[in-house]
């Protein structure tokens, strides 16, 4: 199956939203069974976004996963990009 990168940037000043929603976000990751790698983006020592690598069959299903993310439902993100990603190393 192809891999997809979900690249999300938080709205400025929304760190508390991220912290308040984190447990639900992590449960979404675990429950889905398609996340291969995930972690926060960091700027100046603070979480400011997310990078998630999904192993799923289509861009549409990757977008659906991103739309179902509790972070998205909480209004955390300023932008979300979902694109096919090719693993070269690692």
PDB file of N, CA and C in Angstrom:
ATOM      1  N   UNK A   1       0.840  -1.189   0.000  1.00  0.00           N
ATOM      2  CA  UNK A   1       0.000   0.000   0.000  1.00  0.00           C
ATOM      3  C   UNK A   1       0.878   1.243   0.000  1.00  0.00           C
ATOM      4  N   UNK A   2       0.366   2.301  -0.584  1.00  0.00           N
ATOM      5  CA  UNK A   2       1.143   3.542  -0.571  1.00  0.00           C
ATOM      6  C   UNK A   2       1.164   4.167   0.823  1.00  0.00           C
ATOM      7  N   UNK A   3       2.118   5.056   1.008  1.00  0.00           N
ATOM      8  CA  UNK A   3       2.229   5.822   2.247  1.00  0.00           C
ATOM      9  C   UNK A   3       1.798   7.254   1.977  1.00  0.00           C
ATOM     10  N   UNK A   4       1.239   7.887   3.013  1.00  0.00           N
ATOM     11  CA  UNK A   4       0.783   9.269   2.904  1.00  0.00           C
ATOM     12  C   UNK A   4       1.279  10.052   4.108  1.00  0.00           C
ATOM     13  N   UNK A   5       1.717  11.282   3.847  1.00  0.00           N
ATOM     14  CA  UNK A   5       2.131  12.186   4.916  1.00  0.00           C
ATOM     15  C   UNK A   5       0.989  13.154   5.197  1.00  0.00           C
ATOM     16  N   UNK A   6       0.673  13.289   6.473  1.00  0.00           N
ATOM     17  CA  UNK A   6      -0.294  14.283   6.928  1.00  0.00           C
ATOM     18  C   UNK A   6       0.523  15.321   7.691  1.00  0.00           C
ATOM     19  N   UNK A   7       0.601  16.530   7.150  1.00  0.00           N
ATOM     20  CA  UNK A   7       1.430  17.591   7.710  1.00  0.00           C
ATOM     21  C   UNK A   7       0.500  18.705   8.176  1.00  0.00           C
ATOM     22  N   UNK A   8       0.469  18.923   9.475  1.00  0.00           N
ATOM     23  CA  UNK A   8      -0.472  19.871  10.069  1.00  0.00           C
ATOM     24  C   UNK A   8       0.283  20.963  10.816  1.00  0.00           C
ATOM     25  N   UNK A   9      -0.167  22.186  10.653  1.00  0.00           N
ATOM     26  CA  UNK A   9       0.388  23.328  11.387  1.00  0.00           C
ATOM     27  C   UNK A   9      -0.687  23.863  12.318  1.00  0.00           C
ATOM     28  N   UNK A  10      -0.320  24.031  13.590  1.00  0.00           N
ATOM     29  CA  UNK A  10      -1.268  24.547  14.577  1.00  0.00           C
ATOM     30  C   UNK A  10      -1.535  26.030  14.359  1.00  0.00           C
ATOM     31  N   UNK A  11      -2.719  26.466  14.754  1.00  0.00           N
ATOM     32  CA  UNK A  11      -3.009  27.893  14.810  1.00  0.00           C
ATOM     33  C   UNK A  11      -2.139  28.503  15.902  1.00  0.00           C
ATOM     34  N   UNK A  12      -1.604  29.691  15.690  1.00  0.00           N
ATOM     35  CA  UNK A  12      -0.809  30.339  16.742  1.00  0.00           C
ATOM     36  C   UNK A  12      -1.632  30.485  18.025  1.00  0.00           C
ATOM     37  N   UNK A  13      -0.973  30.266  19.157  1.00  0.00           N
ATOM     38  CA  UNK A  13      -1.622  30.446  20.450  1.00  0.00           C
ATOM     39  C   UNK A  13      -2.576  29.335  20.850  1.00  0.00           C
ATOM     40  N   UNK A  14      -2.509  28.187  20.183  1.00  0.00           N
ATOM     41  CA  UNK A  14      -3.443  27.091  20.474  1.00  0.00           C
ATOM     42  C   UNK A  14      -2.777  25.888  21.139  1.00  0.00           C
ATOM     43  N   UNK A  15      -1.669  26.103  21.832  1.00  0.00           N
ATOM     44  CA  UNK A  15      -0.994  24.995  22.507  1.00  0.00           C
ATOM     45  C   UNK A  15      -1.920  24.317  23.514  1.00  0.00           C
ATOM     46  N   UNK A  16      -2.714  25.087  24.244  1.00  0.00           N
ATOM     47  CA  UNK A  16      -3.600  24.478  25.243  1.00  0.00           C
ATOM     48  C   UNK A  16      -4.638  23.572  24.587  1.00  0.00           C
ATOM     49  N   UNK A  17      -5.121  23.939  23.409  1.00  0.00           N
ATOM     50  CA  UNK A  17      -6.050  23.076  22.668  1.00  0.00           C
ATOM     51  C   UNK A  17      -5.383  21.742  22.366  1.00  0.00           C
ATOM     52  N   UNK A  18      -4.127  21.796  21.934  1.00  0.00           N
ATOM     53  CA  UNK A  18      -3.361  20.571  21.652  1.00  0.00           C
ATOM     54  C   UNK A  18      -3.249  19.717  22.914  1.00  0.00           C
ATOM     55  N   UNK A  19      -2.879  20.336  24.016  1.00  0.00           N
ATOM     56  CA  UNK A  19      -2.694  19.588  25.264  1.00  0.00           C
ATOM     57  C   UNK A  19      -4.007  18.987  25.753  1.00  0.00           C
ATOM     58  N   UNK A  20      -5.090  19.744  25.645  1.00  0.00           N
ATOM     59  CA  UNK A  20      -6.394  19.274  26.117  1.00  0.00           C
ATOM     60  C   UNK A  20      -6.942  18.118  25.278  1.00  0.00           C
ATOM     61  N   UNK A  21      -6.537  18.032  24.023  1.00  0.00           N
ATOM     62  CA  UNK A  21      -7.087  17.050  23.087  1.00  0.00           C
ATOM     63  C   UNK A  21      -6.131  15.888  22.836  1.00  0.00           C
ATOM     64  N   UNK A  22      -4.952  15.941  23.405  1.00  0.00           N
ATOM     65  CA  UNK A  22      -3.888  14.987  23.072  1.00  0.00           C
ATOM     66  C   UNK A  22      -4.280  13.523  23.324  1.00  0.00           C
ATOM     67  N   UNK A  23      -4.913  13.226  24.441  1.00  0.00           N
ATOM     68  CA  UNK A  23      -5.286  11.832  24.744  1.00  0.00           C
ATOM     69  C   UNK A  23      -6.233  11.277  23.678  1.00  0.00           C
ATOM     70  N   UNK A  24      -7.199  12.077  23.248  1.00  0.00           N
ATOM     71  CA  UNK A  24      -8.129  11.631  22.206  1.00  0.00           C
ATOM     72  C   UNK A  24      -7.409  11.453  20.870  1.00  0.00           C
ATOM     73  N   UNK A  25      -6.481  12.349  20.563  1.00  0.00           N
ATOM     74  CA  UNK A  25      -5.685  12.250  19.335  1.00  0.00           C
ATOM     75  C   UNK A  25      -4.868  10.951  19.334  1.00  0.00           C
ATOM     76  N   UNK A  26      -4.204  10.655  20.446  1.00  0.00           N
ATOM     77  CA  UNK A  26      -3.395   9.431  20.541  1.00  0.00           C
ATOM     78  C   UNK A  26      -4.265   8.181  20.436  1.00  0.00           C
ATOM     79  N   UNK A  27      -5.461   8.223  21.010  1.00  0.00           N
ATOM     80  CA  UNK A  27      -6.387   7.090  20.895  1.00  0.00           C
ATOM     81  C   UNK A  27      -6.804   6.889  19.433  1.00  0.00           C
ATOM     82  N   UNK A  28      -7.018   7.976  18.710  1.00  0.00           N
ATOM     83  CA  UNK A  28      -7.355   7.912  17.277  1.00  0.00           C
ATOM     84  C   UNK A  28      -6.224   7.232  16.507  1.00  0.00           C
ATOM     85  N   UNK A  29      -4.993   7.581  16.825  1.00  0.00           N
ATOM     86  CA  UNK A  29      -3.829   6.964  16.186  1.00  0.00           C
ATOM     87  C   UNK A  29      -3.815   5.463  16.452  1.00  0.00           C
ATOM     88  N   UNK A  30      -3.960   5.075  17.689  1.00  0.00           N
ATOM     89  CA  UNK A  30      -3.924   3.652  18.063  1.00  0.00           C
ATOM     90  C   UNK A  30      -5.065   2.869  17.425  1.00  0.00           C
ATOM     91  N   UNK A  31      -6.242   3.421  17.482  1.00  0.00           N
ATOM     92  CA  UNK A  31      -7.458   2.740  17.027  1.00  0.00           C
ATOM     93  C   UNK A  31      -7.457   2.516  15.511  1.00  0.00           C
ATOM     94  N   UNK A  32      -6.860   3.427  14.762  1.00  0.00           N
ATOM     95  CA  UNK A  32      -6.953   3.356  13.299  1.00  0.00           C
ATOM     96  C   UNK A  32      -6.162   2.195  12.700  1.00  0.00           C
ATOM     97  N   UNK A  33      -5.025   1.859  13.293  1.00  0.00           N
ATOM     98  CA  UNK A  33      -4.205   0.766  12.793  1.00  0.00           C
ATOM     99  C   UNK A  33      -3.457   1.054  11.504  1.00  0.00           C
ATOM    100  N   UNK A  34      -3.459   2.299  11.029  1.00  0.00           N
ATOM    101  CA  UNK A  34      -2.773   2.621   9.772  1.00  0.00           C
ATOM    102  C   UNK A  34      -1.617   3.607   9.958  1.00  0.00           C
ATOM    103  N   UNK A  35      -1.364   4.029  11.176  1.00  0.00           N
ATOM    104  CA  UNK A  35      -0.294   5.001  11.427  1.00  0.00           C
ATOM    105  C   UNK A  35       1.030   4.261  11.566  1.00  0.00           C
ATOM    106  N   UNK A  36       1.998   4.617  10.739  1.00  0.00           N
ATOM    107  CA  UNK A  36       3.326   4.003  10.789  1.00  0.00           C
ATOM    108  C   UNK A  36       4.310   4.837  11.595  1.00  0.00           C
ATOM    109  N   UNK A  37       4.170   6.136  11.570  1.00  0.00           N
ATOM    110  CA  UNK A  37       5.011   7.054  12.350  1.00  0.00           C
ATOM    111  C   UNK A  37       4.185   8.289  12.649  1.00  0.00           C
ATOM    112  N   UNK A  38       4.471   8.914  13.788  1.00  0.00           N
ATOM    113  CA  UNK A  38       3.760  10.149  14.119  1.00  0.00           C
ATOM    114  C   UNK A  38       4.516  10.903  15.196  1.00  0.00           C
ATOM    115  N   UNK A  39       4.386  12.206  15.162  1.00  0.00           N
ATOM    116  CA  UNK A  39       4.985  13.023  16.205  1.00  0.00           C
ATOM    117  C   UNK A  39       4.730  14.495  15.950  1.00  0.00           C
ATOM    118  N   UNK A  40       4.956  15.294  16.984  1.00  0.00           N
ATOM    119  CA  UNK A  40       4.716  16.729  16.851  1.00  0.00           C
ATOM    120  C   UNK A  40       5.862  17.431  16.126  1.00  0.00           C
ATOM    121  N   UNK A  41       5.522  18.512  15.450  1.00  0.00           N
ATOM    122  CA  UNK A  41       6.519  19.441  14.935  1.00  0.00           C
ATOM    123  C   UNK A  41       6.883  20.377  16.082  1.00  0.00           C
ATOM    124  N   UNK A  42       8.141  20.784  16.146  1.00  0.00           N
ATOM    125  CA  UNK A  42       8.625  21.596  17.268  1.00  0.00           C
ATOM    126  C   UNK A  42       9.275  22.868  16.732  1.00  0.00           C
ATOM    127  N   UNK A  43       8.926  23.997  17.320  1.00  0.00           N
ATOM    128  CA  UNK A  43       9.596  25.273  17.060  1.00  0.00           C
ATOM    129  C   UNK A  43       9.840  25.945  18.398  1.00  0.00           C
ATOM    130  N   UNK A  44      11.059  26.397  18.604  1.00  0.00           N
ATOM    131  CA  UNK A  44      11.426  27.073  19.854  1.00  0.00           C
ATOM    132  C   UNK A  44      11.040  26.252  21.079  1.00  0.00           C
ATOM    133  N   UNK A  45      11.182  24.923  20.972  1.00  0.00           N
ATOM    134  CA  UNK A  45      10.912  24.041  22.097  1.00  0.00           C
ATOM    135  C   UNK A  45       9.445  23.761  22.361  1.00  0.00           C
ATOM    136  N   UNK A  46       8.542  24.268  21.526  1.00  0.00           N
ATOM    137  CA  UNK A  46       7.102  24.088  21.724  1.00  0.00           C
ATOM    138  C   UNK A  46       6.500  23.297  20.562  1.00  0.00           C
ATOM    139  N   UNK A  47       5.514  22.453  20.872  1.00  0.00           N
ATOM    140  CA  UNK A  47       4.783  21.747  19.827  1.00  0.00           C
ATOM    141  C   UNK A  47       4.002  22.768  19.000  1.00  0.00           C
ATOM    142  N   UNK A  48       4.079  22.629  17.679  1.00  0.00           N
ATOM    143  CA  UNK A  48       3.428  23.612  16.802  1.00  0.00           C
ATOM    144  C   UNK A  48       2.743  22.960  15.602  1.00  0.00           C
ATOM    145  N   UNK A  49       2.675  21.651  15.594  1.00  0.00           N
ATOM    146  CA  UNK A  49       2.057  20.950  14.478  1.00  0.00           C
ATOM    147  C   UNK A  49       2.264  19.456  14.610  1.00  0.00           C
ATOM    148  N   UNK A  50       1.872  18.732  13.585  1.00  0.00           N
ATOM    149  CA  UNK A  50       1.960  17.271  13.599  1.00  0.00           C
ATOM    150  C   UNK A  50       2.430  16.758  12.249  1.00  0.00           C
ATOM    151  N   UNK A  51       3.175  15.656  12.294  1.00  0.00           N
ATOM    152  CA  UNK A  51       3.533  14.899  11.097  1.00  0.00           C
ATOM    153  C   UNK A  51       3.117  13.457  11.353  1.00  0.00           C
ATOM    154  N   UNK A  52       2.271  12.926  10.488  1.00  0.00           N
ATOM    155  CA  UNK A  52       1.778  11.559  10.627  1.00  0.00           C
ATOM    156  C   UNK A  52       1.980  10.851   9.287  1.00  0.00           C
ATOM    157  N   UNK A  53       2.562   9.660   9.324  1.00  0.00           N
ATOM    158  CA  UNK A  53       2.730   8.844   8.125  1.00  0.00           C
ATOM    159  C   UNK A  53       1.711   7.705   8.190  1.00  0.00           C
ATOM    160  N   UNK A  54       0.863   7.645   7.178  1.00  0.00           N
ATOM    161  CA  UNK A  54      -0.207   6.651   7.114  1.00  0.00           C
ATOM    162  C   UNK A  54       0.087   5.616   6.036  1.00  0.00           C
ATOM    163  N   UNK A  55      -0.250   4.375   6.324  1.00  0.00           N
ATOM    164  CA  UNK A  55      -0.155   3.272   5.373  1.00  0.00           C
ATOM    165  C   UNK A  55      -1.589   2.876   5.034  1.00  0.00           C
ATOM    166  N   UNK A  56      -2.098   3.425   3.951  1.00  0.00           N
ATOM    167  CA  UNK A  56      -3.489   3.198   3.585  1.00  0.00           C
ATOM    168  C   UNK A  56      -3.615   3.136   2.068  1.00  0.00           C
ATOM    169  N   UNK A  57      -4.776   2.765   1.575  1.00  0.00           N
ATOM    170  CA  UNK A  57      -4.909   2.447   0.154  1.00  0.00           C
ATOM    171  C   UNK A  57      -5.127   3.624  -0.780  1.00  0.00           C
ATOM    172  N   UNK A  58      -5.482   4.796  -0.245  1.00  0.00           N
ATOM    173  CA  UNK A  58      -5.779   5.902  -1.157  1.00  0.00           C
ATOM    174  C   UNK A  58      -5.618   7.251  -0.467  1.00  0.00           C
ATOM    175  N   UNK A  59      -5.461   8.264  -1.292  1.00  0.00           N
ATOM    176  CA  UNK A  59      -5.415   9.629  -0.788  1.00  0.00           C
ATOM    177  C   UNK A  59      -6.725   9.975  -0.089  1.00  0.00           C
ATOM    178  N   UNK A  60      -7.831   9.491  -0.618  1.00  0.00           N
ATOM    179  CA  UNK A  60      -9.136   9.757  -0.009  1.00  0.00           C
ATOM    180  C   UNK A  60      -9.211   9.194   1.407  1.00  0.00           C
ATOM    181  N   UNK A  61      -8.712   7.992   1.624  1.00  0.00           N
ATOM    182  CA  UNK A  61      -8.767   7.419   2.975  1.00  0.00           C
ATOM    183  C   UNK A  61      -7.801   8.140   3.911  1.00  0.00           C
ATOM    184  N   UNK A  62      -6.670   8.615   3.391  1.00  0.00           N
ATOM    185  CA  UNK A  62      -5.747   9.398   4.218  1.00  0.00           C
ATOM    186  C   UNK A  62      -6.395  10.720   4.626  1.00  0.00           C
ATOM    187  N   UNK A  63      -7.081  11.351   3.691  1.00  0.00           N
ATOM    188  CA  UNK A  63      -7.786  12.605   4.018  1.00  0.00           C
ATOM    189  C   UNK A  63      -8.897  12.356   5.032  1.00  0.00           C
ATOM    190  N   UNK A  64      -9.602  11.249   4.883  1.00  0.00           N
ATOM    191  CA  UNK A  64     -10.669  10.914   5.836  1.00  0.00           C
ATOM    192  C   UNK A  64     -10.097  10.711   7.229  1.00  0.00           C
ATOM    193  N   UNK A  65      -8.928  10.059   7.326  1.00  0.00           N
ATOM    194  CA  UNK A  65      -8.278   9.880   8.625  1.00  0.00           C
ATOM    195  C   UNK A  65      -7.964  11.244   9.236  1.00  0.00           C
ATOM    196  N   UNK A  66      -7.396  12.144   8.434  1.00  0.00           N
ATOM    197  CA  UNK A  66      -7.032  13.473   8.929  1.00  0.00           C
ATOM    198  C   UNK A  66      -8.266  14.259   9.380  1.00  0.00           C
ATOM    199  N   UNK A  67      -9.340  14.153   8.640  1.00  0.00           N
ATOM    200  CA  UNK A  67     -10.573  14.865   8.994  1.00  0.00           C
ATOM    201  C   UNK A  67     -11.194  14.325  10.272  1.00  0.00           C
ATOM    202  N   UNK A  68     -10.974  13.044  10.574  1.00  0.00           N
ATOM    203  CA  UNK A  68     -11.529  12.424  11.780  1.00  0.00           C
ATOM    204  C   UNK A  68     -10.661  12.641  13.016  1.00  0.00           C
ATOM    205  N   UNK A  69      -9.472  13.195  12.844  1.00  0.00           N
ATOM    206  CA  UNK A  69      -8.549  13.425  13.961  1.00  0.00           C
ATOM    207  C   UNK A  69      -9.187  14.380  14.975  1.00  0.00           C
ATOM    208  N   UNK A  70      -9.205  14.009  16.249  1.00  0.00           N
ATOM    209  CA  UNK A  70      -9.746  14.905  17.272  1.00  0.00           C
ATOM    210  C   UNK A  70      -9.100  16.291  17.280  1.00  0.00           C
ATOM    211  N   UNK A  71      -7.833  16.391  16.925  1.00  0.00           N
ATOM    212  CA  UNK A  71      -7.204  17.710  16.810  1.00  0.00           C
ATOM    213  C   UNK A  71      -7.943  18.559  15.771  1.00  0.00           C
ATOM    214  N   UNK A  72      -8.292  17.964  14.635  1.00  0.00           N
ATOM    215  CA  UNK A  72      -9.022  18.695  13.593  1.00  0.00           C
ATOM    216  C   UNK A  72     -10.394  19.119  14.103  1.00  0.00           C
ATOM    217  N   UNK A  73     -11.082  18.227  14.804  1.00  0.00           N
ATOM    218  CA  UNK A  73     -12.406  18.546  15.345  1.00  0.00           C
ATOM    219  C   UNK A  73     -12.341  19.657  16.383  1.00  0.00           C
ATOM    220  N   UNK A  74     -11.220  19.756  17.091  1.00  0.00           N
ATOM    221  CA  UNK A  74     -11.053  20.798  18.114  1.00  0.00           C
ATOM    222  C   UNK A  74     -10.658  22.144  17.509  1.00  0.00           C
ATOM    223  N   UNK A  75     -10.424  22.187  16.208  1.00  0.00           N
ATOM    224  CA  UNK A  75     -10.049  23.438  15.559  1.00  0.00           C
ATOM    225  C   UNK A  75      -8.603  23.837  15.780  1.00  0.00           C
ATOM    226  N   UNK A  76      -7.734  22.864  16.050  1.00  0.00           N
ATOM    227  CA  UNK A  76      -6.334  23.152  16.355  1.00  0.00           C
ATOM    228  C   UNK A  76      -5.548  23.646  15.143  1.00  0.00           C
ATOM    229  N   UNK A  77      -5.852  23.133  13.974  1.00  0.00           N
ATOM    230  CA  UNK A  77      -4.955  23.340  12.839  1.00  0.00           C
ATOM    231  C   UNK A  77      -5.258  24.586  12.020  1.00  0.00           C
ATOM    232  N   UNK A  78      -4.178  25.278  11.670  1.00  0.00           N
ATOM    233  CA  UNK A  78      -4.247  26.386  10.721  1.00  0.00           C
ATOM    234  C   UNK A  78      -4.223  25.842   9.293  1.00  0.00           C
ATOM    235  N   UNK A  79      -3.460  24.759   9.094  1.00  0.00           N
ATOM    236  CA  UNK A  79      -3.385  24.142   7.770  1.00  0.00           C
ATOM    237  C   UNK A  79      -3.155  22.647   7.912  1.00  0.00           C
ATOM    238  N   UNK A  80      -3.666  21.911   6.936  1.00  0.00           N
ATOM    239  CA  UNK A  80      -3.473  20.461   6.865  1.00  0.00           C
ATOM    240  C   UNK A  80      -3.161  20.117   5.413  1.00  0.00           C
ATOM    241  N   UNK A  81      -2.050  19.433   5.217  1.00  0.00           N
ATOM    242  CA  UNK A  81      -1.668  18.967   3.884  1.00  0.00           C
ATOM    243  C   UNK A  81      -1.589  17.443   3.939  1.00  0.00           C
ATOM    244  N   UNK A  82      -2.228  16.781   2.995  1.00  0.00           N
ATOM    245  CA  UNK A  82      -2.161  15.322   2.881  1.00  0.00           C
ATOM    246  C   UNK A  82      -1.622  15.015   1.489  1.00  0.00           C
ATOM    247  N   UNK A  83      -0.522  14.284   1.446  1.00  0.00           N
ATOM    248  CA  UNK A  83       0.126  13.998   0.170  1.00  0.00           C
ATOM    249  C   UNK A  83       0.746  12.608   0.195  1.00  0.00           C
ATOM    250  N   UNK A  84       0.812  11.975  -0.959  1.00  0.00           N
ATOM    251  CA  UNK A  84       1.501  10.688  -1.018  1.00  0.00           C
ATOM    252  C   UNK A  84       2.976  10.916  -0.704  1.00  0.00           C
ATOM    253  N   UNK A  85       3.571   9.949  -0.017  1.00  0.00           N
ATOM    254  CA  UNK A  85       4.958  10.067   0.446  1.00  0.00           C
ATOM    255  C   UNK A  85       5.689   8.785   0.094  1.00  0.00           C
ATOM    256  N   UNK A  86       6.912   8.912  -0.384  1.00  0.00           N
ATOM    257  CA  UNK A  86       7.715   7.751  -0.736  1.00  0.00           C
ATOM    258  C   UNK A  86       8.864   7.614   0.250  1.00  0.00           C
ATOM    259  N   UNK A  87       8.917   6.493   0.925  1.00  0.00           N
ATOM    260  CA  UNK A  87      10.015   6.204   1.849  1.00  0.00           C
ATOM    261  C   UNK A  87      11.249   5.822   1.039  1.00  0.00           C
ATOM    262  N   UNK A  88      12.361   6.497   1.305  1.00  0.00           N
ATOM    263  CA  UNK A  88      13.610   6.212   0.611  1.00  0.00           C
ATOM    264  C   UNK A  88      14.610   5.564   1.556  1.00  0.00           C
ATOM    265  N   UNK A  89      14.641   6.004   2.801  1.00  0.00           N
ATOM    266  CA  UNK A  89      15.578   5.456   3.791  1.00  0.00           C
ATOM    267  C   UNK A  89      14.848   5.209   5.106  1.00  0.00           C
ATOM    268  N   UNK A  90      15.446   4.324   5.919  1.00  0.00           N
ATOM    269  CA  UNK A  90      14.938   4.119   7.269  1.00  0.00           C
ATOM    270  C   UNK A  90      14.065   2.925   7.447  1.00  0.00           C
TER     271      UNK A  90
END
